[in-house]
C-alpha atoms as a PDB file:
ATOM      1  CA  MET A   1      -4.908 -31.999  -1.943  1.00  0.00           C
ATOM      2  CA  SER A   2      -4.787 -28.492  -3.494  1.00  0.00           C
ATOM      3  CA  VAL A   3      -5.249 -28.180  -7.183  1.00  0.00           C
ATOM      4  CA  VAL A   4      -2.537 -25.511  -7.055  1.00  0.00           C
ATOM      5  CA  GLU A   5       0.767 -26.302  -5.317  1.00  0.00           C
ATOM      6  CA  VAL A   6       2.919 -23.573  -4.229  1.00  0.00           C
ATOM      7  CA  GLU A   7       6.848 -23.868  -3.909  1.00  0.00           C
ATOM      8  CA  ASP A   8       9.227 -20.993  -3.149  1.00  0.00           C
ATOM      9  CA  ARG A   9      12.636 -21.316  -4.869  1.00  0.00           C
ATOM     10  CA  GLY A  10      14.424 -18.483  -3.290  1.00  0.00           C
ATOM     11  CA  PRO A  11      12.936 -15.230  -4.744  1.00  0.00           C
ATOM     12  CA  VAL A  12      11.050 -17.213  -7.359  1.00  0.00           C
ATOM     13  CA  ARG A  13       7.310 -18.783  -6.585  1.00  0.00           C
ATOM     14  CA  VAL A  14       6.511 -21.702  -8.461  1.00  0.00           C
ATOM     15  CA  LEU A  15       2.746 -22.427  -8.918  1.00  0.00           C
ATOM     16  CA  PHE A  16       2.068 -25.936 -10.070  1.00  0.00           C
ATOM     17  CA  LEU A  17      -1.148 -26.851 -11.796  1.00  0.00           C
ATOM     18  CA  ALA A  18      -1.899 -29.895  -9.857  1.00  0.00           C
ATOM     19  CA  ARG A  19      -4.682 -32.072 -11.540  1.00  0.00           C
ATOM     20  CA  PRO A  20      -2.250 -34.484 -13.261  1.00  0.00           C
ATOM     21  CA  GLU A  21      -5.044 -37.162 -13.654  1.00  0.00           C
ATOM     22  CA  ARG A  22      -6.983 -34.632 -15.946  1.00  0.00           C
ATOM     23  CA  ARG A  23      -3.787 -33.468 -17.520  1.00  0.00           C
ATOM     24  CA  ASN A  24      -4.246 -30.244 -15.590  1.00  0.00           C
ATOM     25  CA  ALA A  25      -7.540 -29.451 -17.562  1.00  0.00           C
ATOM     26  CA  LEU A  26      -9.158 -26.310 -16.221  1.00  0.00           C
ATOM     27  CA  SER A  27     -11.917 -26.866 -13.901  1.00  0.00           C
ATOM     28  CA  GLY A  28     -13.650 -23.989 -12.103  1.00  0.00           C
ATOM     29  CA  GLU A  29     -11.720 -25.013  -8.863  1.00  0.00           C
ATOM     30  CA  LEU A  30      -8.365 -24.767 -10.690  1.00  0.00           C
ATOM     31  CA  ILE A  31      -9.116 -21.470 -12.196  1.00  0.00           C
ATOM     32  CA  THR A  32     -10.266 -19.945  -8.830  1.00  0.00           C
ATOM     33  CA  ALA A  33      -7.087 -21.245  -7.135  1.00  0.00           C
ATOM     34  CA  LEU A  34      -4.758 -19.968  -9.756  1.00  0.00           C
ATOM     35  CA  ILE A  35      -6.419 -16.440  -9.625  1.00  0.00           C
ATOM     36  CA  GLU A  36      -6.153 -16.383  -5.610  1.00  0.00           C
ATOM     37  CA  ALA A  37      -2.460 -17.576  -5.970  1.00  0.00           C
ATOM     38  CA  LEU A  38      -1.483 -14.988  -8.371  1.00  0.00           C
ATOM     39  CA  GLN A  39      -3.208 -12.224  -6.329  1.00  0.00           C
ATOM     40  CA  ALA A  40      -1.504 -13.448  -3.156  1.00  0.00           C
ATOM     41  CA  VAL A  41       1.989 -12.486  -4.794  1.00  0.00           C
ATOM     42  CA  SER A  42       1.127  -8.840  -4.337  1.00  0.00           C
ATOM     43  CA  PHE A  43       1.313  -9.409  -0.613  1.00  0.00           C
ATOM     44  CA  ALA A  44       4.490 -11.444  -0.747  1.00  0.00           C
ATOM     45  CA  ALA A  45       7.233  -8.904  -0.838  1.00  0.00           C
ATOM     46  CA  ASP A  46       9.997 -11.592  -1.049  1.00  0.00           C
ATOM     47  CA  VAL A  47       8.574 -13.047  -4.228  1.00  0.00           C
ATOM     48  CA  ARG A  48      10.095 -11.377  -7.307  1.00  0.00           C
ATOM     49  CA  ALA A  49       8.926 -13.654 -10.176  1.00  0.00           C
ATOM     50  CA  VAL A  50       6.370 -16.430 -10.507  1.00  0.00           C
ATOM     51  CA  VAL A  51       6.763 -19.500 -12.649  1.00  0.00           C
ATOM     52  CA  LEU A  52       3.807 -21.502 -13.841  1.00  0.00           C
ATOM     53  CA  SER A  53       4.258 -25.212 -14.372  1.00  0.00           C
ATOM     54  CA  GLY A  54       2.050 -28.340 -14.318  1.00  0.00           C
ATOM     55  CA  ARG A  55       2.387 -31.627 -12.465  1.00  0.00           C
ATOM     56  CA  GLY A  56       2.249 -34.878 -14.404  1.00  0.00           C
ATOM     57  CA  ALA A  57       2.614 -35.242 -18.253  1.00  0.00           C
ATOM     58  CA  SER A  58       1.252 -31.895 -19.483  1.00  0.00           C
ATOM     59  CA  PHE A  59       1.277 -28.317 -18.771  1.00  0.00           C
ATOM     60  CA  CYS A  60      -2.361 -27.779 -19.270  1.00  0.00           C
ATOM     61  CA  VAL A  61      -4.844 -29.101 -21.922  1.00  0.00           C
ATOM     62  CA  GLY A  62      -7.425 -26.368 -21.678  1.00  0.00           C
ATOM     63  CA  GLY A  63     -10.981 -26.481 -20.463  1.00  0.00           C
ATOM     64  CA  ASP A  64     -12.208 -29.604 -18.845  1.00  0.00           C
ATOM     65  CA  LEU A  65     -15.125 -30.453 -21.064  1.00  0.00           C
ATOM     66  CA  ALA A  66     -15.798 -33.816 -19.254  1.00  0.00           C
ATOM     67  CA  GLY A  67     -15.170 -32.483 -15.845  1.00  0.00           C
ATOM     68  CA  GLY A  68     -16.475 -28.977 -15.105  1.00  0.00           C
ATOM     69  CA  MET A  69     -16.100 -26.689 -17.858  1.00  0.00           C
ATOM     70  CA  LEU A  70     -20.009 -27.016 -18.497  1.00  0.00           C
ATOM     71  CA  PRO A  71     -21.404 -26.744 -15.102  1.00  0.00           C
ATOM     72  CA  GLU A  72     -25.035 -27.423 -14.388  1.00  0.00           C
ATOM     73  CA  GLY A  73     -27.226 -24.350 -13.496  1.00  0.00           C
ATOM     74  CA  GLY A  74     -28.099 -22.954 -16.760  1.00  0.00           C
ATOM     75  CA  LEU A  75     -26.570 -20.805 -19.429  1.00  0.00           C
ATOM     76  CA  LEU A  76     -25.892 -17.668 -17.264  1.00  0.00           C
ATOM     77  CA  ALA A  77     -24.037 -19.971 -14.632  1.00  0.00           C
ATOM     78  CA  ALA A  78     -21.908 -21.394 -17.471  1.00  0.00           C
ATOM     79  CA  GLU A  79     -21.213 -18.006 -18.813  1.00  0.00           C
ATOM     80  CA  GLN A  80     -20.096 -16.628 -15.365  1.00  0.00           C
ATOM     81  CA  GLN A  81     -17.612 -19.545 -14.879  1.00  0.00           C
ATOM     82  CA  ARG A  82     -16.301 -18.962 -18.378  1.00  0.00           C
ATOM     83  CA  GLY A  83     -15.738 -15.511 -17.380  1.00  0.00           C
ATOM     84  CA  GLN A  84     -13.614 -16.611 -14.531  1.00  0.00           C
ATOM     85  CA  PHE A  85     -11.128 -17.875 -17.132  1.00  0.00           C
ATOM     86  CA  GLY A  86     -10.884 -14.534 -18.545  1.00  0.00           C
ATOM     87  CA  ALA A  87     -10.285 -13.203 -15.003  1.00  0.00           C
ATOM     88  CA  LEU A  88      -7.452 -15.803 -14.617  1.00  0.00           C
ATOM     89  CA  LEU A  89      -5.881 -14.387 -17.942  1.00  0.00           C
ATOM     90  CA  ARG A  90      -6.226 -10.829 -16.465  1.00  0.00           C
ATOM     91  CA  ALA A  91      -4.778 -11.999 -13.110  1.00  0.00           C
ATOM     92  CA  ILE A  92      -1.554 -13.077 -14.919  1.00  0.00           C
ATOM     93  CA  TYR A  93      -1.294  -9.634 -16.606  1.00  0.00           C
ATOM     94  CA  ASP A  94      -2.117  -7.845 -13.159  1.00  0.00           C
ATOM     95  CA  CYS A  95       0.357 -10.057 -11.248  1.00  0.00           C
ATOM     96  CA  ALA A  96       2.717  -7.879  -9.332  1.00  0.00           C
ATOM     97  CA  VAL A  97       5.836  -9.422 -10.677  1.00  0.00           C
ATOM     98  CA  PRO A  98       6.662 -11.183 -14.100  1.00  0.00           C
ATOM     99  CA  VAL A  99       5.030 -14.584 -14.724  1.00  0.00           C
ATOM    100  CA  ILE A 100       7.034 -17.111 -16.739  1.00  0.00           C
ATOM    101  CA  ALA A 101       5.318 -20.190 -18.014  1.00  0.00           C
ATOM    102  CA  ALA A 102       7.457 -23.555 -18.001  1.00  0.00           C
ATOM    103  CA  VAL A 103       5.858 -25.674 -20.748  1.00  0.00           C
ATOM    104  CA  HIS A 104       6.051 -29.367 -21.020  1.00  0.00           C
ATOM    105  CA  GLY A 105       3.882 -31.965 -22.735  1.00  0.00           C
ATOM    106  CA  ASP A 106       0.830 -30.313 -24.150  1.00  0.00           C
ATOM    107  CA  ALA A 107      -0.290 -26.548 -23.674  1.00  0.00           C
ATOM    108  CA  LEU A 108      -3.617 -26.663 -25.630  1.00  0.00           C
ATOM    109  CA  GLY A 109      -6.704 -24.392 -25.807  1.00  0.00           C
ATOM    110  CA  GLY A 110      -6.853 -22.420 -22.592  1.00  0.00           C
ATOM    111  CA  GLY A 111      -3.414 -23.774 -21.612  1.00  0.00           C
ATOM    112  CA  CYS A 112      -1.996 -22.164 -24.696  1.00  0.00           C
ATOM    113  CA  GLY A 113      -3.834 -19.019 -23.615  1.00  0.00           C
ATOM    114  CA  ILE A 114      -2.064 -19.165 -20.263  1.00  0.00           C
ATOM    115  CA  VAL A 115       1.242 -19.241 -22.026  1.00  0.00           C
ATOM    116  CA  ALA A 116       0.350 -16.334 -24.254  1.00  0.00           C
ATOM    117  CA  ALA A 117      -0.791 -14.340 -21.127  1.00  0.00           C
ATOM    118  CA  ALA A 118       2.456 -15.040 -19.316  1.00  0.00           C
ATOM    119  CA  ASP A 119       5.082 -12.400 -19.567  1.00  0.00           C
ATOM    120  CA  LEU A 120       7.748 -14.977 -20.801  1.00  0.00           C
ATOM    121  CA  ALA A 121       7.655 -18.631 -21.704  1.00  0.00           C
ATOM    122  CA  ILE A 122      10.093 -21.499 -22.046  1.00  0.00           C
ATOM    123  CA  ALA A 123       9.108 -24.932 -23.349  1.00  0.00           C
ATOM    124  CA  ASP A 124      10.493 -28.355 -23.645  1.00  0.00           C
ATOM    125  CA  ALA A 125      11.667 -29.479 -26.877  1.00  0.00           C
ATOM    126  CA  SER A 126       9.035 -32.156 -27.191  1.00  0.00           C
ATOM    127  CA  ALA A 127       6.291 -29.840 -26.039  1.00  0.00           C
ATOM    128  CA  ARG A 128       3.071 -29.250 -28.122  1.00  0.00           C
ATOM    129  CA  LEU A 129       1.040 -26.046 -28.264  1.00  0.00           C
ATOM    130  CA  GLY A 130      -2.250 -25.431 -30.057  1.00  0.00           C
ATOM    131  CA  THR A 131      -5.791 -24.387 -30.226  1.00  0.00           C
ATOM    132  CA  PRO A 132      -7.536 -27.576 -31.155  1.00  0.00           C
ATOM    133  CA  GLU A 133     -11.102 -26.236 -30.188  1.00  0.00           C
ATOM    134  CA  VAL A 134     -12.248 -26.111 -33.753  1.00  0.00           C
ATOM    135  CA  LYS A 135     -12.155 -29.796 -33.892  1.00  0.00           C
ATOM    136  CA  VAL A 136     -14.865 -30.256 -31.361  1.00  0.00           C
ATOM    137  CA  GLY A 137     -17.104 -27.543 -32.962  1.00  0.00           C
ATOM    138  CA  LEU A 138     -15.685 -24.737 -30.849  1.00  0.00           C
ATOM    139  CA  PHE A 139     -13.509 -21.544 -31.565  1.00  0.00           C
ATOM    140  CA  PRO A 140     -10.888 -20.370 -29.286  1.00  0.00           C
ATOM    141  CA  LEU A 141     -12.593 -17.226 -28.600  1.00  0.00           C
ATOM    142  CA  VAL A 142     -11.509 -15.963 -25.123  1.00  0.00           C
ATOM    143  CA  ILE A 143      -7.894 -16.742 -25.689  1.00  0.00           C
ATOM    144  CA  THR A 144      -7.819 -14.825 -28.749  1.00  0.00           C
ATOM    145  CA  ALA A 145      -7.363 -11.594 -26.910  1.00  0.00           C
ATOM    146  CA  VAL A 146      -4.122 -12.873 -25.439  1.00  0.00           C
ATOM    147  CA  LEU A 147      -2.805 -14.656 -28.292  1.00  0.00           C
ATOM    148  CA  GLN A 148      -3.258 -11.984 -30.822  1.00  0.00           C
ATOM    149  CA  ARG A 149      -1.227  -9.668 -28.672  1.00  0.00           C
ATOM    150  CA  GLY A 150       1.956 -11.906 -29.097  1.00  0.00           C
ATOM    151  CA  VAL A 151       1.565 -14.088 -32.255  1.00  0.00           C
ATOM    152  CA  ALA A 152       1.786 -12.835 -35.818  1.00  0.00           C
ATOM    153  CA  ARG A 153      -1.774 -12.708 -37.338  1.00  0.00           C
ATOM    154  CA  LYS A 154      -1.460 -15.309 -40.250  1.00  0.00           C
ATOM    155  CA  HIS A 155       0.376 -17.885 -37.955  1.00  0.00           C
ATOM    156  CA  LEU A 156      -2.228 -17.456 -35.377  1.00  0.00           C
ATOM    157  CA  LEU A 157      -5.145 -17.841 -37.774  1.00  0.00           C
ATOM    158  CA  GLU A 158      -3.759 -20.959 -39.242  1.00  0.00           C
ATOM    159  CA  MET A 159      -3.514 -22.494 -35.704  1.00  0.00           C
ATOM    160  CA  MET A 160      -7.226 -21.461 -34.904  1.00  0.00           C
ATOM    161  CA  TYR A 161      -8.522 -22.395 -38.284  1.00  0.00           C
ATOM    162  CA  THR A 162      -6.876 -25.869 -38.460  1.00  0.00           C
ATOM    163  CA  GLY A 163      -6.719 -26.891 -34.875  1.00  0.00           C
ATOM    164  CA  GLU A 164      -3.252 -28.502 -35.460  1.00  0.00           C
ATOM    165  CA  LYS A 165      -0.778 -28.553 -32.614  1.00  0.00           C
ATOM    166  CA  VAL A 166       2.811 -26.733 -33.136  1.00  0.00           C
ATOM    167  CA  THR A 167       6.184 -27.809 -31.929  1.00  0.00           C
ATOM    168  CA  ALA A 168       7.917 -25.757 -29.401  1.00  0.00           C
ATOM    169  CA  GLU A 169      10.512 -24.729 -32.050  1.00  0.00           C
ATOM    170  CA  HIS A 170       7.663 -23.387 -34.219  1.00  0.00           C
ATOM    171  CA  ALA A 171       6.130 -21.639 -31.231  1.00  0.00           C
ATOM    172  CA  ALA A 172       9.395 -19.896 -30.523  1.00  0.00           C
ATOM    173  CA  ALA A 173       9.697 -18.892 -34.193  1.00  0.00           C
ATOM    174  CA  ILE A 174       6.115 -17.228 -34.079  1.00  0.00           C
ATOM    175  CA  GLY A 175       6.480 -15.482 -30.860  1.00  0.00           C
ATOM    176  CA  LEU A 176       4.313 -17.739 -28.643  1.00  0.00           C
ATOM    177  CA  ILE A 177       7.222 -18.681 -26.482  1.00  0.00           C
ATOM    178  CA  ASN A 178      10.623 -17.204 -25.819  1.00  0.00           C
ATOM    179  CA  ARG A 179      12.708 -20.203 -26.513  1.00  0.00           C
ATOM    180  CA  VAL A 180      13.145 -23.959 -26.266  1.00  0.00           C
ATOM    181  CA  ALA A 181      14.687 -25.219 -23.077  1.00  0.00           C
ATOM    182  CA  GLY A 182      18.141 -27.021 -23.102  1.00  0.00           C
ATOM    183  CA  GLU A 183      18.993 -30.197 -21.288  1.00  0.00           C
ATOM    184  CA  GLU A 184      18.021 -28.531 -17.752  1.00  0.00           C
ATOM    185  CA  GLY A 185      14.455 -28.529 -18.818  1.00  0.00           C
ATOM    186  CA  PRO A 186      11.853 -25.956 -19.023  1.00  0.00           C
ATOM    187  CA  LEU A 187      11.207 -25.603 -15.224  1.00  0.00           C
ATOM    188  CA  ALA A 188      14.805 -25.240 -14.332  1.00  0.00           C
ATOM    189  CA  ALA A 189      15.422 -22.735 -17.200  1.00  0.00           C
ATOM    190  CA  ALA A 190      12.196 -20.717 -16.101  1.00  0.00           C
ATOM    191  CA  ILE A 191      13.474 -20.442 -12.538  1.00  0.00           C
ATOM    192  CA  ALA A 192      16.888 -19.357 -13.690  1.00  0.00           C
ATOM    193  CA  LEU A 193      15.219 -16.713 -15.869  1.00  0.00           C
ATOM    194  CA  GLY A 194      13.089 -15.550 -12.746  1.00  0.00           C
ATOM    195  CA  GLU A 195      16.281 -15.374 -10.697  1.00  0.00           C
ATOM    196  CA  LYS A 196      17.759 -13.029 -13.219  1.00  0.00           C
ATOM    197  CA  ILE A 197      14.695 -10.810 -13.077  1.00  0.00           C
ATOM    198  CA  ALA A 198      14.810 -11.095  -9.246  1.00  0.00           C
ATOM    199  CA  SER A 199      18.206  -9.381  -9.260  1.00  0.00           C
ATOM    200  CA  ASN A 200      16.500  -6.168 -10.254  1.00  0.00           C
ATOM    201  CA  SER A 201      14.397  -3.974  -8.284  1.00  0.00           C
ATOM    202  CA  ARG A 202      10.879  -5.399  -7.742  1.00  0.00           C
ATOM    203  CA  ALA A 203       9.275  -1.977  -7.516  1.00  0.00           C
ATOM    204  CA  VAL A 204      10.762  -0.887 -10.783  1.00  0.00           C
ATOM    205  CA  VAL A 205       9.890  -4.248 -12.541  1.00  0.00           C
ATOM    206  CA  SER A 206       6.428  -4.048 -11.235  1.00  0.00           C
ATOM    207  CA  LEU A 207       6.023  -0.469 -12.460  1.00  0.00           C
ATOM    208  CA  GLY A 208       7.383  -1.528 -15.915  1.00  0.00           C
ATOM    209  CA  LYS A 209       5.259  -4.492 -16.220  1.00  0.00           C
ATOM    210  CA  ARG A 210       2.051  -2.505 -15.593  1.00  0.00           C
ATOM    211  CA  SER A 211       3.255   0.252 -17.864  1.00  0.00           C
ATOM    212  CA  PHE A 212       4.018  -2.085 -20.544  1.00  0.00           C
ATOM    213  CA  HIS A 213       0.521  -3.732 -20.737  1.00  0.00           C
ATOM    214  CA  GLU A 214      -1.302  -0.253 -20.310  1.00  0.00           C
ATOM    215  CA  ALA A 215       0.772   1.050 -23.294  1.00  0.00           C
ATOM    216  CA  GLN A 216      -0.178  -1.727 -25.324  1.00  0.00           C
ATOM    217  CA  GLU A 217      -3.805  -1.196 -25.063  1.00  0.00           C
ATOM    218  CA  GLN A 218      -3.642   2.550 -25.983  1.00  0.00           C
ATOM    219  CA  GLU A 219      -3.368   4.531 -29.045  1.00  0.00           C
ATOM    220  CA  LEU A 220       0.114   5.934 -29.803  1.00  0.00           C
ATOM    221  CA  GLY A 221      -0.434   9.459 -28.408  1.00  0.00           C
ATOM    222  CA  ALA A 222      -2.033   8.322 -25.102  1.00  0.00           C
ATOM    223  CA  ALA A 223       0.628   5.662 -24.706  1.00  0.00           C
ATOM    224  CA  LEU A 224       3.450   8.156 -25.056  1.00  0.00           C
ATOM    225  CA  ALA A 225       1.978  10.631 -22.582  1.00  0.00           C
ATOM    226  CA  MET A 226       1.280   7.780 -19.870  1.00  0.00           C
ATOM    227  CA  LEU A 227       4.783   6.417 -20.427  1.00  0.00           C
ATOM    228  CA  ASN A 228       6.387   9.847 -19.882  1.00  0.00           C
ATOM    229  CA  SER A 229       4.415  10.283 -16.634  1.00  0.00           C
ATOM    230  CA  ARG A 230       5.695   6.804 -15.531  1.00  0.00           C
ATOM    231  CA  LEU A 231       9.105   7.734 -16.280  1.00  0.00           C
ATOM    232  CA  THR A 232       8.685  10.811 -13.985  1.00  0.00           C
ATOM    233  CA  LEU A 233       7.503   8.421 -11.314  1.00  0.00           C
ATOM    234  CA  ASN A 234      10.290   6.048 -11.944  1.00  0.00           C
ATOM    235  CA  LEU A 235      12.886   8.650 -11.626  1.00  0.00           C
ATOM    236  CA  LEU A 236      11.484   9.676  -8.185  1.00  0.00           C
ATOM    237  CA  THR A 237      11.884   6.074  -6.697  1.00  0.00           C
ATOM    238  CA  ASP A 238      14.630   5.305  -4.282  1.00  0.00           C
ATOM    239  CA  ASP A 239      15.754   2.428  -6.305  1.00  0.00           C
ATOM    240  CA  ALA A 240      16.289   4.726  -9.408  1.00  0.00           C
ATOM    241  CA  SER A 241      18.549   6.809  -7.292  1.00  0.00           C
ATOM    242  CA  GLU A 242      20.471   3.814  -5.997  1.00  0.00           C
ATOM    243  CA  GLY A 243      20.813   2.439  -9.287  1.00  0.00           C
ATOM    244  CA  ILE A 244      22.289   5.498 -10.915  1.00  0.00           C
ATOM    245  CA  SER A 245      24.544   6.024  -7.800  1.00  0.00           C
ATOM    246  CA  ALA A 246      25.821   2.499  -8.079  1.00  0.00           C
ATOM    247  CA  PHE A 247      26.401   2.773 -11.813  1.00  0.00           C
ATOM    248  CA  ILE A 248      28.407   5.855 -11.311  1.00  0.00           C
ATOM    249  CA  GLY A 249      30.289   4.326  -8.390  1.00  0.00           C
ATOM    250  CA  ARG A 250      30.908   1.148 -10.215  1.00  0.00           C
ATOM    251  CA  ARG A 251      29.392  -0.904  -7.457  1.00  0.00           C
ATOM    252  CA  PRO A 252      26.523  -3.364  -7.184  1.00  0.00           C
ATOM    253  CA  ALA A 253      23.169  -1.716  -6.331  1.00  0.00           C
ATOM    254  CA  VAL A 254      21.369  -2.478  -3.206  1.00  0.00           C
ATOM    255  CA  TRP A 255      17.583  -2.374  -3.983  1.00  0.00           C
ATOM    256  CA  LYS A 256      14.964  -1.072  -1.403  1.00  0.00           C
ATOM    257  CA  ASP A 257      12.275  -2.094  -3.745  1.00  0.00           C
ATOM    258  CA  ARG A 258      10.603   1.404  -3.424  1.00  0.00           C
END
């Protein structure tokens, strides 16, 4: 059985972390399978948004300390595998379409990092998020890169220094997730959000996603220059012409995704 299960719900592809017996802890196999599934979206023209969810009681409890996070083979082999987790976070950023985390149960350590790397996130009211690594003598170093891009500094450092879990409501207040799901639950809410995104041009949303992340990593002057050139590119797309024409003509746009 695959450790990542794929289900297409119309234009939204749902990727389920499927190690429920380990609370979806991140083994090397799971990390590699997630990277491959995210990269495959680039070649799936009908997929316009991705939702990440977990089978079983939790979203993801982080690295599998007991079952694969610390492989045999020496220091270099272990470092290489940990580097694969960084590649997973990068793959979420680089995915051709927006990635939405649908969080239930626990999202801890690396699981919390996946939530932070996702473009958007919706959590169940009972979900718990956190970086508990310090309690076992580790520090959440790799996920710092994505967490500090979305969570206010003092709130994040409190989470990291104490290792305490936070509620979904608190996670929303500090910018770690977008909102707490209603009665429909986080998966249904995330799919509905993906469907809203899917109603727009895939090409334009993809261009916007890439530009957003690139601008975030640049100083102001370079970001403004890059974004101006991307606007020029955007204006040359068929979908920009269609969108403007549809707006003027007061009709729904028919996207060509180019």
